Structures are given as C-alpha cells and as structure tokens.
Protein backbone atom coordinates (compact mmCIF):
# COMPACT_ATOMS: atom_id res chain seq x y z
CA MET A 1 -136.71 27.09 -15.19
CA ARG A 2 -135.00 25.05 -17.80
CA VAL A 3 -131.58 26.43 -19.05
CA LEU A 4 -129.52 25.17 -21.97
CA LEU A 5 -125.83 25.81 -21.35
CA LEU A 6 -123.61 25.52 -24.37
CA GLY A 7 -120.29 24.66 -22.68
CA GLY A 8 -117.10 22.80 -23.23
CA THR A 9 -115.23 25.64 -21.46
CA VAL A 10 -113.92 26.03 -17.80
CA GLU A 11 -116.49 28.78 -17.50
CA GLY A 12 -119.31 26.63 -18.67
CA ARG A 13 -118.36 23.93 -16.01
CA GLN A 14 -118.07 26.66 -13.37
CA LEU A 15 -121.51 27.94 -14.21
CA ALA A 16 -123.11 24.40 -14.20
CA ALA A 17 -121.57 23.75 -10.87
CA ARG A 18 -122.95 26.97 -9.51
CA LEU A 19 -126.57 26.28 -10.88
CA HIS A 20 -126.96 22.60 -10.23
CA PRO A 21 -129.08 21.31 -8.58
CA HIS A 22 -131.02 24.60 -7.94
CA VAL A 23 -131.52 25.19 -11.75
CA ASP A 24 -132.56 22.47 -14.22
CA VAL A 25 -129.51 22.94 -16.34
CA ILE A 26 -128.62 20.93 -19.47
CA SER A 27 -124.95 21.42 -20.54
CA SER A 28 -124.38 20.70 -24.27
CA LEU A 29 -120.84 19.71 -25.44
CA ALA A 30 -119.85 19.50 -29.05
CA GLY A 31 -118.16 16.11 -28.70
CA ARG A 32 -114.90 16.93 -30.56
CA VAL A 33 -112.79 16.26 -27.45
CA PRO A 34 -112.36 12.72 -26.34
CA ASP A 35 -113.07 11.99 -22.51
CA PRO A 36 -114.20 15.59 -21.82
CA ALA A 37 -114.41 16.93 -18.29
CA LEU A 38 -118.06 16.73 -17.60
CA PRO A 39 -120.07 19.48 -15.88
CA ALA A 40 -122.56 18.95 -12.93
CA GLY A 41 -126.11 18.15 -13.97
CA ALA A 42 -127.48 16.81 -17.33
CA VAL A 43 -125.25 16.68 -20.22
CA ARG A 44 -125.79 16.14 -23.92
CA ILE A 45 -123.04 15.53 -26.41
CA GLY A 46 -123.14 16.33 -30.03
CA GLY A 47 -124.50 18.85 -32.62
CA PHE A 48 -128.06 19.93 -33.00
CA GLY A 49 -128.33 19.90 -36.82
CA GLY A 50 -127.98 23.59 -37.65
CA VAL A 51 -130.41 26.43 -36.68
CA ASP A 52 -133.40 24.40 -37.59
CA GLY A 53 -132.53 21.39 -35.31
CA LEU A 54 -131.46 23.62 -32.43
CA ARG A 55 -134.76 25.55 -32.73
CA ARG A 56 -136.74 22.17 -32.59
CA TRP A 57 -134.75 20.90 -29.68
CA LEU A 58 -135.24 23.92 -27.67
CA GLN A 59 -138.97 23.78 -28.27
CA GLU A 60 -139.15 20.01 -27.43
CA GLN A 61 -137.19 20.47 -24.29
CA ARG A 62 -139.23 23.48 -23.25
CA ILE A 63 -136.08 25.56 -22.58
CA ASP A 64 -136.53 28.87 -20.79
CA ALA A 65 -133.26 30.49 -21.45
CA VAL A 66 -129.91 29.87 -23.20
CA VAL A 67 -126.46 30.65 -22.04
CA ASP A 68 -123.58 30.31 -24.59
CA ALA A 69 -120.41 29.61 -22.82
CA THR A 70 -118.64 28.02 -25.74
CA HIS A 71 -115.07 28.87 -26.91
CA PRO A 72 -114.61 32.39 -28.10
CA PHE A 73 -113.80 30.91 -31.64
CA ALA A 74 -116.86 28.73 -31.80
CA ALA A 75 -118.43 31.28 -34.02
CA THR A 76 -120.83 28.85 -35.84
CA MET A 77 -122.49 27.61 -32.60
CA THR A 78 -122.81 31.06 -31.33
CA ALA A 79 -124.41 32.47 -34.50
CA HIS A 80 -126.81 29.48 -34.55
CA ALA A 81 -127.85 30.00 -30.96
CA ALA A 82 -128.35 33.79 -31.44
CA ARG A 83 -130.59 33.14 -34.47
CA ALA A 84 -132.62 30.28 -32.86
CA CYS A 85 -133.21 32.25 -29.71
CA ARG A 86 -134.23 35.42 -31.53
CA GLU A 87 -136.75 33.41 -33.74
CA LEU A 88 -138.11 31.93 -30.51
CA GLY A 89 -138.16 34.90 -28.31
CA LEU A 90 -135.94 33.10 -25.83
CA PRO A 91 -133.65 34.96 -23.35
CA HIS A 92 -130.12 34.51 -24.61
CA LEU A 93 -126.77 35.19 -23.04
CA VAL A 94 -123.22 34.89 -24.25
CA LEU A 95 -120.47 34.35 -21.50
CA ALA A 96 -117.35 35.36 -23.11
CA ARG A 97 -114.13 35.46 -20.98
CA PRO A 98 -112.18 38.63 -21.58
CA PRO A 99 -109.69 38.52 -24.39
CA TRP A 100 -105.89 38.97 -23.84
CA ASP A 101 -104.38 42.29 -24.41
CA PRO A 102 -102.37 41.70 -27.56
CA GLY A 103 -99.73 44.16 -26.52
CA GLY A 104 -97.12 44.16 -29.22
CA ALA A 105 -98.39 41.01 -30.82
CA ILE A 106 -99.00 40.83 -34.73
CA VAL A 107 -102.55 40.68 -34.77
CA VAL A 108 -104.39 38.80 -37.66
CA ALA A 109 -107.85 38.08 -38.67
CA SER A 110 -107.53 34.34 -39.40
CA ASP A 111 -105.38 31.15 -39.38
CA VAL A 112 -104.64 31.97 -42.97
CA GLY A 113 -103.37 35.46 -42.01
CA ALA A 114 -101.17 33.98 -39.15
CA ALA A 115 -99.63 31.52 -41.76
CA GLU A 116 -98.87 34.65 -44.07
CA ALA A 117 -97.42 36.42 -41.09
CA VAL A 118 -95.08 33.54 -40.42
CA ALA A 119 -93.89 33.63 -44.02
CA GLU A 120 -93.55 37.38 -44.31
CA GLN A 121 -91.51 37.52 -41.01
CA ARG A 122 -89.52 34.42 -41.94
CA PHE A 123 -89.95 32.81 -38.70
CA SER A 124 -88.17 29.43 -38.72
CA ARG A 125 -89.17 27.62 -35.41
CA VAL A 126 -92.81 28.33 -34.51
CA PHE A 127 -94.82 27.16 -31.54
CA LEU A 128 -98.20 26.66 -33.04
CA THR A 129 -101.20 26.63 -30.50
CA THR A 130 -104.19 27.40 -32.60
CA GLY A 131 -105.79 24.00 -31.98
CA ARG A 132 -106.18 21.14 -34.50
CA SER A 133 -108.41 23.09 -36.73
CA GLY A 134 -106.05 25.79 -37.29
CA VAL A 135 -103.06 23.69 -38.28
CA LYS A 136 -104.18 23.23 -42.02
CA ALA A 137 -103.35 26.84 -42.89
CA PHE A 138 -99.64 26.05 -42.22
CA ALA A 139 -99.42 22.86 -44.20
CA GLY A 140 -97.43 24.52 -47.00
CA SER A 141 -94.99 26.37 -44.78
CA ASP A 142 -91.16 25.86 -44.92
CA ALA A 143 -90.74 26.67 -41.17
CA TRP A 144 -90.59 24.00 -38.35
CA PHE A 145 -93.51 23.84 -35.98
CA LEU A 146 -93.96 22.57 -32.52
CA ILE A 147 -97.70 21.94 -32.73
CA ARG A 148 -99.62 21.52 -29.47
CA ALA A 149 -103.33 20.41 -29.49
CA VAL A 150 -105.74 18.34 -27.36
CA THR A 151 -106.35 15.78 -30.09
CA GLU A 152 -104.37 14.76 -33.27
CA PRO A 153 -105.23 17.10 -36.23
CA ASP A 154 -107.14 15.36 -38.94
CA THR A 155 -105.65 17.44 -41.72
CA ASP A 156 -102.49 17.90 -43.55
CA LEU A 157 -99.64 18.99 -41.34
CA PRO A 158 -96.51 20.98 -42.25
CA ARG A 159 -93.58 19.10 -43.61
CA HIS A 160 -91.36 19.81 -40.63
CA HIS A 161 -93.01 19.48 -37.27
CA GLN A 162 -93.27 17.86 -33.80
CA LEU A 163 -96.69 17.01 -32.43
CA VAL A 164 -97.49 17.43 -28.73
CA LEU A 165 -100.88 16.36 -27.58
CA SER A 166 -101.77 17.79 -24.12
CA ARG A 167 -104.49 19.60 -22.37
CA GLY A 168 -104.04 22.69 -19.95
CA PRO A 169 -103.84 24.17 -17.61
CA TYR A 170 -100.16 25.13 -18.26
CA HIS A 171 -97.57 26.76 -15.97
CA TYR A 172 -95.13 29.46 -16.66
CA ASP A 173 -91.86 27.65 -15.86
CA ASP A 174 -92.95 24.79 -18.01
CA GLU A 175 -93.76 27.05 -20.93
CA LEU A 176 -90.48 28.98 -20.44
CA ASP A 177 -88.53 25.75 -20.56
CA LEU A 178 -90.52 24.60 -23.57
CA LEU A 179 -89.89 27.60 -25.66
CA THR A 180 -86.17 27.66 -24.73
CA ARG A 181 -85.59 23.92 -25.31
CA HIS A 182 -87.05 23.96 -28.82
CA ARG A 183 -85.38 27.31 -29.79
CA ILE A 184 -88.78 28.79 -30.62
CA ASP A 185 -88.66 32.06 -32.50
CA ALA A 186 -92.38 32.78 -32.75
CA LEU A 187 -95.51 31.93 -30.85
CA VAL A 188 -98.83 31.54 -32.92
CA THR A 189 -101.99 31.60 -30.89
CA LYS A 190 -105.69 32.46 -30.97
CA ASN A 191 -106.86 35.25 -28.54
CA SER A 192 -108.72 32.80 -26.34
CA GLY A 193 -108.26 34.71 -23.18
CA GLY A 194 -108.40 33.21 -19.66
CA GLU A 195 -105.53 32.10 -17.35
CA MET A 196 -105.40 28.40 -18.22
CA THR A 197 -103.29 28.95 -21.42
CA ARG A 198 -102.00 32.44 -20.68
CA PRO A 199 -98.46 31.35 -19.43
CA LYS A 200 -97.25 30.62 -22.99
CA LEU A 201 -97.75 34.47 -23.67
CA ASP A 202 -95.90 35.55 -20.56
CA ALA A 203 -93.10 33.15 -21.30
CA ALA A 204 -92.88 34.42 -24.84
CA VAL A 205 -92.73 38.04 -23.61
CA ALA A 206 -90.08 37.27 -21.08
CA LEU A 207 -87.84 35.72 -23.77
CA GLY A 208 -88.47 38.50 -26.37
CA ILE A 209 -90.21 35.94 -28.83
CA PRO A 210 -92.70 37.59 -31.16
CA VAL A 211 -96.44 36.59 -30.99
CA VAL A 212 -98.72 36.15 -33.90
CA MET A 213 -102.37 36.31 -32.47
CA VAL A 214 -105.49 35.61 -34.29
CA ALA A 215 -108.26 37.96 -33.36
CA ARG A 216 -111.62 36.76 -32.11
CA PRO A 217 -114.49 36.56 -34.41
CA PRO A 218 -117.16 39.32 -33.93
CA LEU A 219 -120.16 38.29 -31.98
CA PRO A 220 -123.68 38.58 -33.48
CA GLU A 221 -125.20 41.99 -33.09
CA GLY A 222 -127.72 42.71 -30.40
CA ILE A 223 -126.91 40.01 -27.90
CA THR A 224 -126.28 40.34 -24.19
CA THR A 225 -122.74 39.58 -23.23
CA VAL A 226 -121.06 39.18 -19.84
CA GLY A 227 -117.44 38.21 -18.99
CA THR A 228 -117.67 36.29 -15.70
CA VAL A 229 -119.48 33.33 -14.31
CA GLN A 230 -120.76 35.40 -11.48
CA GLU A 231 -122.47 37.94 -13.93
CA ALA A 232 -124.12 34.98 -15.95
CA ALA A 233 -125.44 33.53 -12.63
CA ALA A 234 -126.81 36.90 -11.72
CA TRP A 235 -128.47 37.39 -15.15
CA LEU A 236 -130.24 33.89 -14.73
CA ALA A 237 -131.26 34.63 -11.12
CA ALA A 238 -132.87 37.90 -12.20
CA MET A 239 -135.32 35.89 -14.37
CA ARG A 240 -136.33 33.38 -11.74
C-alpha cells in the first residue's frame, strides 16, 4: 500500500511517524518554509503543477490512497487533491484538526475582512498572526502592527510595524508578556486550531483583548474528514 500524505503540519508528521515503516508513505511538503521539520519516511518538496500534475503524479507513483493533512487554510491544495482523487477513484481523507471555539471573537471570512474590522473598531496596536500571506491586506492600515511569521513576508507591509520571525510552539506566560509589553489592543489570527499556537488566544482572553478571527475556508463537498491522527491511522488500517 502506497500512501501520499500531504503534510507540513504537526499532525502530518505524527501520522507519518505512526505509519513508517509499516506503510509505504510519501510525505509532500509545499516548500514555503525554509528548513522544515521533516517527517519520517520518504519526502518530496514542492508543488505538483495543479490538478493535472497531481493526477499524473498519483498515477505514475501508483498511489493507493491520499491523506490530506495540510494546514486548514491550504484551500487550493485541498481542492486539487479532492478533485484528482475523485477523478481517479482513489480513497481520499482530510485530517483537519478541530477549529478553535471563537467565543466572543469578531469572526470574519478573509484577511481583507480582518483588515476592515481593525479599521472599523479603530484598533491602534495589533498583534497580527495570520502568517506572511495574510499581511498584504493590512498594508494600507494606519494602525501599528506586531507581525509574527515563520518567514519574512514578500509583500507590502503596514507603514507602522515590528516584524518578529519565529516558529511555535508558544507558551502562555510568554504570550501574556508579549501582549502586555507591546500594549496590544487587538489580536488578529486565523482559526488554525490546535494547541501549538493557542496560548495567544488564552492570553488575549485573560487580558480582555479583542480577537479578530478569520474563519476557515469550507472543505470540498463529499469528502471524508477526521479530526485526529488516530482516526486517520484507523482509516488507513481498514483498507489494508
């Protein structure tokens, strides 16, 4: 049994470690992060060339099943995998970590919506944690931003900002200190879910800081979805 594991997440690495070496698993990483944490087993880095390229690759490599454990906001890759697997009749699973409960957050549908919310609420000192791809929407803002990302954004940045390059996991006490020290009055985040970056939410709630949360893009219709590594492993085991 050969499995393509679309990874780049903690869950993807955990699933690869659980499968290897009993299952012939190939993990695929997008290649956007320098020096990524590599999963167990075979690894390929880079895109496939759209749906057509992915479909050809799946056929050439004689893949038996695909598990999509990409980031919840990797909507294009998820849509391409769903279509390619449907056209080839391949078993396809999405491993999506459960989203955070937005609670009293201001929920928006996009980065642009988040930027509009910052302007409407007149927030002045914003902790922006939407990743480098989400920064562009805030380029014209008059607010000051503490921007945290894994790699430096390759787009226009807000006029007033401080850039922090770092990679989780993060810890509650550190996040509490960060928000306090920079006098943050709003947190902007995507609803990524998981425990690795959740402490910023807990710290914001403790300090009474408003949260603007970008909702997840919808998953393609008709696909099978699980929320844990254990469930994904069981799904694969049932086919062996």
